Amino acid sequence: MNPGNTVKGKLVFDVPEGTKLTSLELHDSLFSDGVQVNLK
């Protein structure tokens, strides 16, 4: 995905019951700095 492009989809994963997620950290490789995505 290039800068400025958007993607829509569903990301499915398990977390312990009662967990309240506020953000995700995404990386394109093991060596990237990644980006924090706030969840609303």
PDB file of N, CA and C in Angstrom:
ATOM      1  N   MET A   1       0.849  -1.159   0.000  1.00  0.00           N
ATOM      2  CA  MET A   1       0.000   0.000   0.000  1.00  0.00           C
ATOM      3  C   MET A   1       0.898   1.226   0.000  1.00  0.00           C
ATOM      4  N   ASN A   2       0.667   2.129  -0.898  1.00  0.00           N
ATOM      5  CA  ASN A   2       1.458   3.351  -1.004  1.00  0.00           C
ATOM      6  C   ASN A   2       0.895   4.449  -0.106  1.00  0.00           C
ATOM      7  N   PRO A   3       1.733   5.410   0.303  1.00  0.00           N
ATOM      8  CA  PRO A   3       1.253   6.530   1.117  1.00  0.00           C
ATOM      9  C   PRO A   3       0.076   7.220   0.444  1.00  0.00           C
ATOM     10  N   GLY A   4      -0.944   7.536   1.233  1.00  0.00           N
ATOM     11  CA  GLY A   4      -2.122   8.215   0.716  1.00  0.00           C
ATOM     12  C   GLY A   4      -3.230   7.274   0.279  1.00  0.00           C
ATOM     13  N   ASN A   5      -2.916   6.007   0.068  1.00  0.00           N
ATOM     14  CA  ASN A   5      -3.940   5.033  -0.307  1.00  0.00           C
ATOM     15  C   ASN A   5      -4.693   4.573   0.933  1.00  0.00           C
ATOM     16  N   THR A   6      -5.893   4.077   0.740  1.00  0.00           N
ATOM     17  CA  THR A   6      -6.673   3.538   1.849  1.00  0.00           C
ATOM     18  C   THR A   6      -7.044   2.091   1.561  1.00  0.00           C
ATOM     19  N   VAL A   7      -7.273   1.366   2.641  1.00  0.00           N
ATOM     20  CA  VAL A   7      -7.661  -0.037   2.548  1.00  0.00           C
ATOM     21  C   VAL A   7      -8.787  -0.266   3.544  1.00  0.00           C
ATOM     22  N   LYS A   8      -9.793  -1.013   3.135  1.00  0.00           N
ATOM     23  CA  LYS A   8     -10.868  -1.397   4.044  1.00  0.00           C
ATOM     24  C   LYS A   8     -10.882  -2.907   4.150  1.00  0.00           C
ATOM     25  N   GLY A   9     -11.142  -3.398   5.352  1.00  0.00           N
ATOM     26  CA  GLY A   9     -11.213  -4.834   5.555  1.00  0.00           C
ATOM     27  C   GLY A   9     -11.439  -5.141   7.018  1.00  0.00           C
ATOM     28  N   LYS A  10     -11.378  -6.401   7.341  1.00  0.00           N
ATOM     29  CA  LYS A  10     -11.533  -6.851   8.725  1.00  0.00           C
ATOM     30  C   LYS A  10     -10.243  -7.522   9.169  1.00  0.00           C
ATOM     31  N   LEU A  11      -9.829  -7.204  10.378  1.00  0.00           N
ATOM     32  CA  LEU A  11      -8.661  -7.821  10.992  1.00  0.00           C
ATOM     33  C   LEU A  11      -9.162  -8.625  12.186  1.00  0.00           C
ATOM     34  N   VAL A  12      -8.979  -9.925  12.145  1.00  0.00           N
ATOM     35  CA  VAL A  12      -9.511 -10.806  13.182  1.00  0.00           C
ATOM     36  C   VAL A  12      -8.357 -11.378  14.001  1.00  0.00           C
ATOM     37  N   PHE A  13      -8.440 -11.262  15.329  1.00  0.00           N
ATOM     38  CA  PHE A  13      -7.430 -11.810  16.221  1.00  0.00           C
ATOM     39  C   PHE A  13      -8.046 -12.004  17.594  1.00  0.00           C
ATOM     40  N   ASP A  14      -7.412 -12.789  18.429  1.00  0.00           N
ATOM     41  CA  ASP A  14      -7.906 -13.079  19.777  1.00  0.00           C
ATOM     42  C   ASP A  14      -7.171 -12.238  20.810  1.00  0.00           C
ATOM     43  N   VAL A  15      -7.932 -11.737  21.774  1.00  0.00           N
ATOM     44  CA  VAL A  15      -7.368 -11.070  22.948  1.00  0.00           C
ATOM     45  C   VAL A  15      -8.123 -11.602  24.162  1.00  0.00           C
ATOM     46  N   PRO A  16      -7.528 -11.521  25.339  1.00  0.00           N
ATOM     47  CA  PRO A  16      -8.228 -11.998  26.534  1.00  0.00           C
ATOM     48  C   PRO A  16      -9.549 -11.250  26.751  1.00  0.00           C
ATOM     49  N   GLU A  17     -10.551 -11.953  27.256  1.00  0.00           N
ATOM     50  CA  GLU A  17     -11.850 -11.352  27.536  1.00  0.00           C
ATOM     51  C   GLU A  17     -11.680 -10.159  28.470  1.00  0.00           C
ATOM     52  N   GLY A  18     -12.389  -9.081  28.186  1.00  0.00           N
ATOM     53  CA  GLY A  18     -12.319  -7.875  29.001  1.00  0.00           C
ATOM     54  C   GLY A  18     -11.247  -6.892  28.560  1.00  0.00           C
ATOM     55  N   THR A  19     -10.416  -7.285  27.609  1.00  0.00           N
ATOM     56  CA  THR A  19      -9.368  -6.400  27.104  1.00  0.00           C
ATOM     57  C   THR A  19      -9.992  -5.260  26.320  1.00  0.00           C
ATOM     58  N   LYS A  20      -9.547  -4.040  26.570  1.00  0.00           N
ATOM     59  CA  LYS A  20     -10.026  -2.876  25.827  1.00  0.00           C
ATOM     60  C   LYS A  20      -8.861  -2.336  25.006  1.00  0.00           C
ATOM     61  N   LEU A  21      -8.923  -2.555  23.697  1.00  0.00           N
ATOM     62  CA  LEU A  21      -7.849  -2.112  22.811  1.00  0.00           C
ATOM     63  C   LEU A  21      -8.002  -0.632  22.494  1.00  0.00           C
ATOM     64  N   THR A  22      -6.888   0.086  22.491  1.00  0.00           N
ATOM     65  CA  THR A  22      -6.900   1.503  22.131  1.00  0.00           C
ATOM     66  C   THR A  22      -6.107   1.764  20.862  1.00  0.00           C
ATOM     67  N   SER A  23      -5.147   0.879  20.540  1.00  0.00           N
ATOM     68  CA  SER A  23      -4.343   1.077  19.331  1.00  0.00           C
ATOM     69  C   SER A  23      -3.706  -0.245  18.910  1.00  0.00           C
ATOM     70  N   LEU A  24      -3.258  -0.276  17.665  1.00  0.00           N
ATOM     71  CA  LEU A  24      -2.489  -1.395  17.120  1.00  0.00           C
ATOM     72  C   LEU A  24      -1.190  -0.841  16.579  1.00  0.00           C
ATOM     73  N   GLU A  25      -0.128  -1.627  16.618  1.00  0.00           N
ATOM     74  CA  GLU A  25       1.137  -1.242  16.002  1.00  0.00           C
ATOM     75  C   GLU A  25       1.378  -2.166  14.819  1.00  0.00           C
ATOM     76  N   LEU A  26       1.479  -1.589  13.637  1.00  0.00           N
ATOM     77  CA  LEU A  26       1.625  -2.357  12.403  1.00  0.00           C
ATOM     78  C   LEU A  26       3.009  -2.149  11.812  1.00  0.00           C
ATOM     79  N   HIS A  27       3.590  -3.222  11.259  1.00  0.00           N
ATOM     80  CA  HIS A  27       4.914  -3.183  10.640  1.00  0.00           C
ATOM     81  C   HIS A  27       4.852  -3.845   9.274  1.00  0.00           C
ATOM     82  N   ASP A  28       5.645  -3.347   8.333  1.00  0.00           N
ATOM     83  CA  ASP A  28       5.713  -4.006   7.022  1.00  0.00           C
ATOM     84  C   ASP A  28       6.823  -5.046   6.978  1.00  0.00           C
ATOM     85  N   SER A  29       7.698  -5.051   7.982  1.00  0.00           N
ATOM     86  CA  SER A  29       8.746  -6.063   8.087  1.00  0.00           C
ATOM     87  C   SER A  29       9.265  -6.065   9.525  1.00  0.00           C
ATOM     88  N   LEU A  30      10.110  -7.024   9.844  1.00  0.00           N
ATOM     89  CA  LEU A  30      10.700  -7.085  11.187  1.00  0.00           C
ATOM     90  C   LEU A  30      11.589  -5.884  11.481  1.00  0.00           C
ATOM     91  N   PHE A  31      12.068  -5.228  10.439  1.00  0.00           N
ATOM     92  CA  PHE A  31      13.055  -4.160  10.605  1.00  0.00           C
ATOM     93  C   PHE A  31      12.465  -2.757  10.510  1.00  0.00           C
ATOM     94  N   SER A  32      11.166  -2.628  10.244  1.00  0.00           N
ATOM     95  CA  SER A  32      10.563  -1.304  10.105  1.00  0.00           C
ATOM     96  C   SER A  32      10.242  -0.718  11.475  1.00  0.00           C
ATOM     97  N   ASP A  33      10.122   0.607  11.527  1.00  0.00           N
ATOM     98  CA  ASP A  33       9.740   1.282  12.767  1.00  0.00           C
ATOM     99  C   ASP A  33       8.272   1.048  13.096  1.00  0.00           C
ATOM    100  N   GLY A  34       7.477   0.776  12.085  1.00  0.00           N
ATOM    101  CA  GLY A  34       6.053   0.541  12.289  1.00  0.00           C
ATOM    102  C   GLY A  34       5.281   1.836  12.422  1.00  0.00           C
ATOM    103  N   VAL A  35       3.978   1.686  12.564  1.00  0.00           N
ATOM    104  CA  VAL A  35       3.085   2.828  12.719  1.00  0.00           C
ATOM    105  C   VAL A  35       2.007   2.445  13.724  1.00  0.00           C
ATOM    106  N   GLN A  36       1.620   3.406  14.560  1.00  0.00           N
ATOM    107  CA  GLN A  36       0.564   3.161  15.533  1.00  0.00           C
ATOM    108  C   GLN A  36      -0.758   3.605  14.928  1.00  0.00           C
ATOM    109  N   VAL A  37      -1.762   2.730  14.995  1.00  0.00           N
ATOM    110  CA  VAL A  37      -3.097   3.026  14.476  1.00  0.00           C
ATOM    111  C   VAL A  37      -4.051   3.069  15.662  1.00  0.00           C
ATOM    112  N   ASN A  38      -4.632   4.241  15.911  1.00  0.00           N
ATOM    113  CA  ASN A  38      -5.588   4.383  17.003  1.00  0.00           C
ATOM    114  C   ASN A  38      -6.917   3.755  16.608  1.00  0.00           C
ATOM    115  N   LEU A  39      -7.549   3.082  17.543  1.00  0.00           N
ATOM    116  CA  LEU A  39      -8.838   2.438  17.309  1.00  0.00           C
ATOM    117  C   LEU A  39      -9.932   3.293  17.928  1.00  0.00           C
ATOM    118  N   LYS A  40     -10.984   3.501  17.185  1.00  0.00           N
ATOM    119  CA  LYS A  40     -12.102   4.318  17.685  1.00  0.00           C
ATOM    120  C   LYS A  40     -13.337   3.482  17.790  1.00  0.00           C
TER     121      LYS A  40
END
